[in-house]
Amino acid sequence: RAGANLNSVVRALNALGATPNDLMSILQAMQSAGCLRAKLEII
């Protein structure tokens, strides 16, 4: 089953006016919910 890639998700969130902090919170929530198949590395 195909899904959106991370770049598409980030671009869509940016278009909605998400701040960098918003993006991190959203991506972390997506990862916790099992919706994100990527390793988040916060530096």
PDB file of N, CA and C in Angstrom:
ATOM      1  N   ARG A   1       0.847  -1.176   0.000  1.00  0.00           N
ATOM      2  CA  ARG A   1       0.000   0.000   0.000  1.00  0.00           C
ATOM      3  C   ARG A   1       0.891   1.236   0.000  1.00  0.00           C
ATOM      4  N   ALA A   2       0.732   2.086  -0.962  1.00  0.00           N
ATOM      5  CA  ALA A   2       1.564   3.280  -1.093  1.00  0.00           C
ATOM      6  C   ALA A   2       1.014   4.408  -0.240  1.00  0.00           C
ATOM      7  N   GLY A   3       1.911   5.232   0.234  1.00  0.00           N
ATOM      8  CA  GLY A   3       1.526   6.401   1.016  1.00  0.00           C
ATOM      9  C   GLY A   3       2.314   7.601   0.537  1.00  0.00           C
ATOM     10  N   ALA A   4       2.141   8.699   1.220  1.00  0.00           N
ATOM     11  CA  ALA A   4       2.870   9.917   0.880  1.00  0.00           C
ATOM     12  C   ALA A   4       4.300   9.811   1.393  1.00  0.00           C
ATOM     13  N   ASN A   5       5.222  10.424   0.669  1.00  0.00           N
ATOM     14  CA  ASN A   5       6.584  10.440   1.192  1.00  0.00           C
ATOM     15  C   ASN A   5       6.734  11.611   2.163  1.00  0.00           C
ATOM     16  N   LEU A   6       7.786  11.581   2.944  1.00  0.00           N
ATOM     17  CA  LEU A   6       7.980  12.578   3.994  1.00  0.00           C
ATOM     18  C   LEU A   6       8.076  13.984   3.422  1.00  0.00           C
ATOM     19  N   ASN A   7       8.719  14.136   2.285  1.00  0.00           N
ATOM     20  CA  ASN A   7       8.836  15.446   1.656  1.00  0.00           C
ATOM     21  C   ASN A   7       7.460  16.023   1.345  1.00  0.00           C
ATOM     22  N   SER A   8       6.557  15.209   0.829  1.00  0.00           N
ATOM     23  CA  SER A   8       5.206  15.677   0.509  1.00  0.00           C
ATOM     24  C   SER A   8       4.454  16.105   1.758  1.00  0.00           C
ATOM     25  N   VAL A   9       4.618  15.340   2.823  1.00  0.00           N
ATOM     26  CA  VAL A   9       3.949  15.673   4.086  1.00  0.00           C
ATOM     27  C   VAL A   9       4.467  17.005   4.622  1.00  0.00           C
ATOM     28  N   VAL A  10       5.784  17.168   4.642  1.00  0.00           N
ATOM     29  CA  VAL A  10       6.379  18.403   5.157  1.00  0.00           C
ATOM     30  C   VAL A  10       5.975  19.595   4.295  1.00  0.00           C
ATOM     31  N   ARG A  11       5.970  19.429   2.994  1.00  0.00           N
ATOM     32  CA  ARG A  11       5.568  20.527   2.099  1.00  0.00           C
ATOM     33  C   ARG A  11       4.123  20.934   2.341  1.00  0.00           C
ATOM     34  N   ALA A  12       3.245  19.948   2.529  1.00  0.00           N
ATOM     35  CA  ALA A  12       1.833  20.246   2.788  1.00  0.00           C
ATOM     36  C   ALA A  12       1.670  20.979   4.119  1.00  0.00           C
ATOM     37  N   LEU A  13       2.386  20.533   5.133  1.00  0.00           N
ATOM     38  CA  LEU A  13       2.302  21.198   6.435  1.00  0.00           C
ATOM     39  C   LEU A  13       2.857  22.617   6.366  1.00  0.00           C
ATOM     40  N   ASN A  14       3.942  22.805   5.627  1.00  0.00           N
ATOM     41  CA  ASN A  14       4.487  24.154   5.435  1.00  0.00           C
ATOM     42  C   ASN A  14       3.482  25.051   4.726  1.00  0.00           C
ATOM     43  N   ALA A  15       2.786  24.510   3.743  1.00  0.00           N
ATOM     44  CA  ALA A  15       1.787  25.283   3.003  1.00  0.00           C
ATOM     45  C   ALA A  15       0.644  25.723   3.915  1.00  0.00           C
ATOM     46  N   LEU A  16       0.400  24.941   4.965  1.00  0.00           N
ATOM     47  CA  LEU A  16      -0.645  25.288   5.931  1.00  0.00           C
ATOM     48  C   LEU A  16      -0.148  26.264   6.993  1.00  0.00           C
ATOM     49  N   GLY A  17       1.138  26.609   6.933  1.00  0.00           N
ATOM     50  CA  GLY A  17       1.692  27.581   7.864  1.00  0.00           C
ATOM     51  C   GLY A  17       2.303  26.990   9.116  1.00  0.00           C
ATOM     52  N   ALA A  18       2.625  25.704   9.092  1.00  0.00           N
ATOM     53  CA  ALA A  18       3.232  25.059  10.256  1.00  0.00           C
ATOM     54  C   ALA A  18       4.627  25.624  10.508  1.00  0.00           C
ATOM     55  N   THR A  19       4.926  25.869  11.765  1.00  0.00           N
ATOM     56  CA  THR A  19       6.261  26.332  12.151  1.00  0.00           C
ATOM     57  C   THR A  19       7.180  25.117  12.282  1.00  0.00           C
ATOM     58  N   PRO A  20       8.490  25.336  12.361  1.00  0.00           N
ATOM     59  CA  PRO A  20       9.389  24.193  12.575  1.00  0.00           C
ATOM     60  C   PRO A  20       9.028  23.385  13.829  1.00  0.00           C
ATOM     61  N   ASN A  21       8.653  24.068  14.907  1.00  0.00           N
ATOM     62  CA  ASN A  21       8.246  23.353  16.121  1.00  0.00           C
ATOM     63  C   ASN A  21       6.975  22.547  15.878  1.00  0.00           C
ATOM     64  N   ASP A  22       6.027  23.132  15.122  1.00  0.00           N
ATOM     65  CA  ASP A  22       4.802  22.406  14.766  1.00  0.00           C
ATOM     66  C   ASP A  22       5.151  21.142  13.991  1.00  0.00           C
ATOM     67  N   LEU A  23       6.052  21.284  13.017  1.00  0.00           N
ATOM     68  CA  LEU A  23       6.446  20.141  12.191  1.00  0.00           C
ATOM     69  C   LEU A  23       7.006  19.011  13.042  1.00  0.00           C
ATOM     70  N   MET A  24       7.891  19.342  13.970  1.00  0.00           N
ATOM     71  CA  MET A  24       8.483  18.303  14.811  1.00  0.00           C
ATOM     72  C   MET A  24       7.425  17.625  15.665  1.00  0.00           C
ATOM     73  N   SER A  25       6.520  18.406  16.232  1.00  0.00           N
ATOM     74  CA  SER A  25       5.462  17.828  17.066  1.00  0.00           C
ATOM     75  C   SER A  25       4.560  16.917  16.249  1.00  0.00           C
ATOM     76  N   ILE A  26       4.202  17.362  15.057  1.00  0.00           N
ATOM     77  CA  ILE A  26       3.328  16.570  14.189  1.00  0.00           C
ATOM     78  C   ILE A  26       4.020  15.284  13.756  1.00  0.00           C
ATOM     79  N   LEU A  27       5.277  15.386  13.336  1.00  0.00           N
ATOM     80  CA  LEU A  27       6.012  14.197  12.897  1.00  0.00           C
ATOM     81  C   LEU A  27       6.223  13.215  14.045  1.00  0.00           C
ATOM     82  N   GLN A  28       6.491  13.728  15.246  1.00  0.00           N
ATOM     83  CA  GLN A  28       6.643  12.847  16.407  1.00  0.00           C
ATOM     84  C   GLN A  28       5.323  12.152  16.724  1.00  0.00           C
ATOM     85  N   ALA A  29       4.209  12.873  16.614  1.00  0.00           N
ATOM     86  CA  ALA A  29       2.896  12.272  16.858  1.00  0.00           C
ATOM     87  C   ALA A  29       2.588  11.215  15.804  1.00  0.00           C
ATOM     88  N   MET A  30       2.938  11.499  14.550  1.00  0.00           N
ATOM     89  CA  MET A  30       2.726  10.519  13.483  1.00  0.00           C
ATOM     90  C   MET A  30       3.552   9.265  13.736  1.00  0.00           C
ATOM     91  N   GLN A  31       4.781   9.439  14.193  1.00  0.00           N
ATOM     92  CA  GLN A  31       5.644   8.294  14.478  1.00  0.00           C
ATOM     93  C   GLN A  31       5.073   7.480  15.640  1.00  0.00           C
ATOM     94  N   SER A  32       4.617   8.143  16.685  1.00  0.00           N
ATOM     95  CA  SER A  32       4.034   7.452  17.844  1.00  0.00           C
ATOM     96  C   SER A  32       2.786   6.673  17.463  1.00  0.00           C
ATOM     97  N   ALA A  33       2.023   7.211  16.507  1.00  0.00           N
ATOM     98  CA  ALA A  33       0.790   6.562  16.064  1.00  0.00           C
ATOM     99  C   ALA A  33       1.057   5.450  15.055  1.00  0.00           C
ATOM    100  N   GLY A  34       2.317   5.294  14.645  1.00  0.00           N
ATOM    101  CA  GLY A  34       2.660   4.263  13.677  1.00  0.00           C
ATOM    102  C   GLY A  34       2.393   4.658  12.236  1.00  0.00           C
ATOM    103  N   CYS A  35       2.202   5.952  12.010  1.00  0.00           N
ATOM    104  CA  CYS A  35       1.903   6.451  10.660  1.00  0.00           C
ATOM    105  C   CYS A  35       3.152   6.867   9.895  1.00  0.00           C
ATOM    106  N   LEU A  36       4.283   6.846  10.556  1.00  0.00           N
ATOM    107  CA  LEU A  36       5.512   7.323   9.940  1.00  0.00           C
ATOM    108  C   LEU A  36       6.549   6.216  10.004  1.00  0.00           C
ATOM    109  N   ARG A  37       6.981   5.776   8.836  1.00  0.00           N
ATOM    110  CA  ARG A  37       8.024   4.743   8.782  1.00  0.00           C
ATOM    111  C   ARG A  37       9.353   5.406   8.478  1.00  0.00           C
ATOM    112  N   ALA A  38       9.855   6.130   9.457  1.00  0.00           N
ATOM    113  CA  ALA A  38      11.133   6.825   9.325  1.00  0.00           C
ATOM    114  C   ALA A  38      11.707   7.014  10.716  1.00  0.00           C
ATOM    115  N   LYS A  39      13.004   7.189  10.778  1.00  0.00           N
ATOM    116  CA  LYS A  39      13.654   7.467  12.054  1.00  0.00           C
ATOM    117  C   LYS A  39      13.810   8.974  12.169  1.00  0.00           C
ATOM    118  N   LEU A  40      13.240   9.547  13.214  1.00  0.00           N
ATOM    119  CA  LEU A  40      13.396  10.977  13.443  1.00  0.00           C
ATOM    120  C   LEU A  40      14.646  11.199  14.279  1.00  0.00           C
ATOM    121  N   GLU A  41      15.512  12.049  13.800  1.00  0.00           N
ATOM    122  CA  GLU A  41      16.716  12.396  14.539  1.00  0.00           C
ATOM    123  C   GLU A  41      16.668  13.889  14.810  1.00  0.00           C
ATOM    124  N   ILE A  42      16.446  14.230  16.055  1.00  0.00           N
ATOM    125  CA  ILE A  42      16.312  15.634  16.438  1.00  0.00           C
ATOM    126  C   ILE A  42      17.654  16.111  16.959  1.00  0.00           C
ATOM    127  N   ILE A  43      18.165  17.165  16.320  1.00  0.00           N
ATOM    128  CA  ILE A  43      19.481  17.677  16.725  1.00  0.00           C
ATOM    129  C   ILE A  43      19.361  19.095  17.236  1.00  0.00           C
TER     130      ILE A  43
END
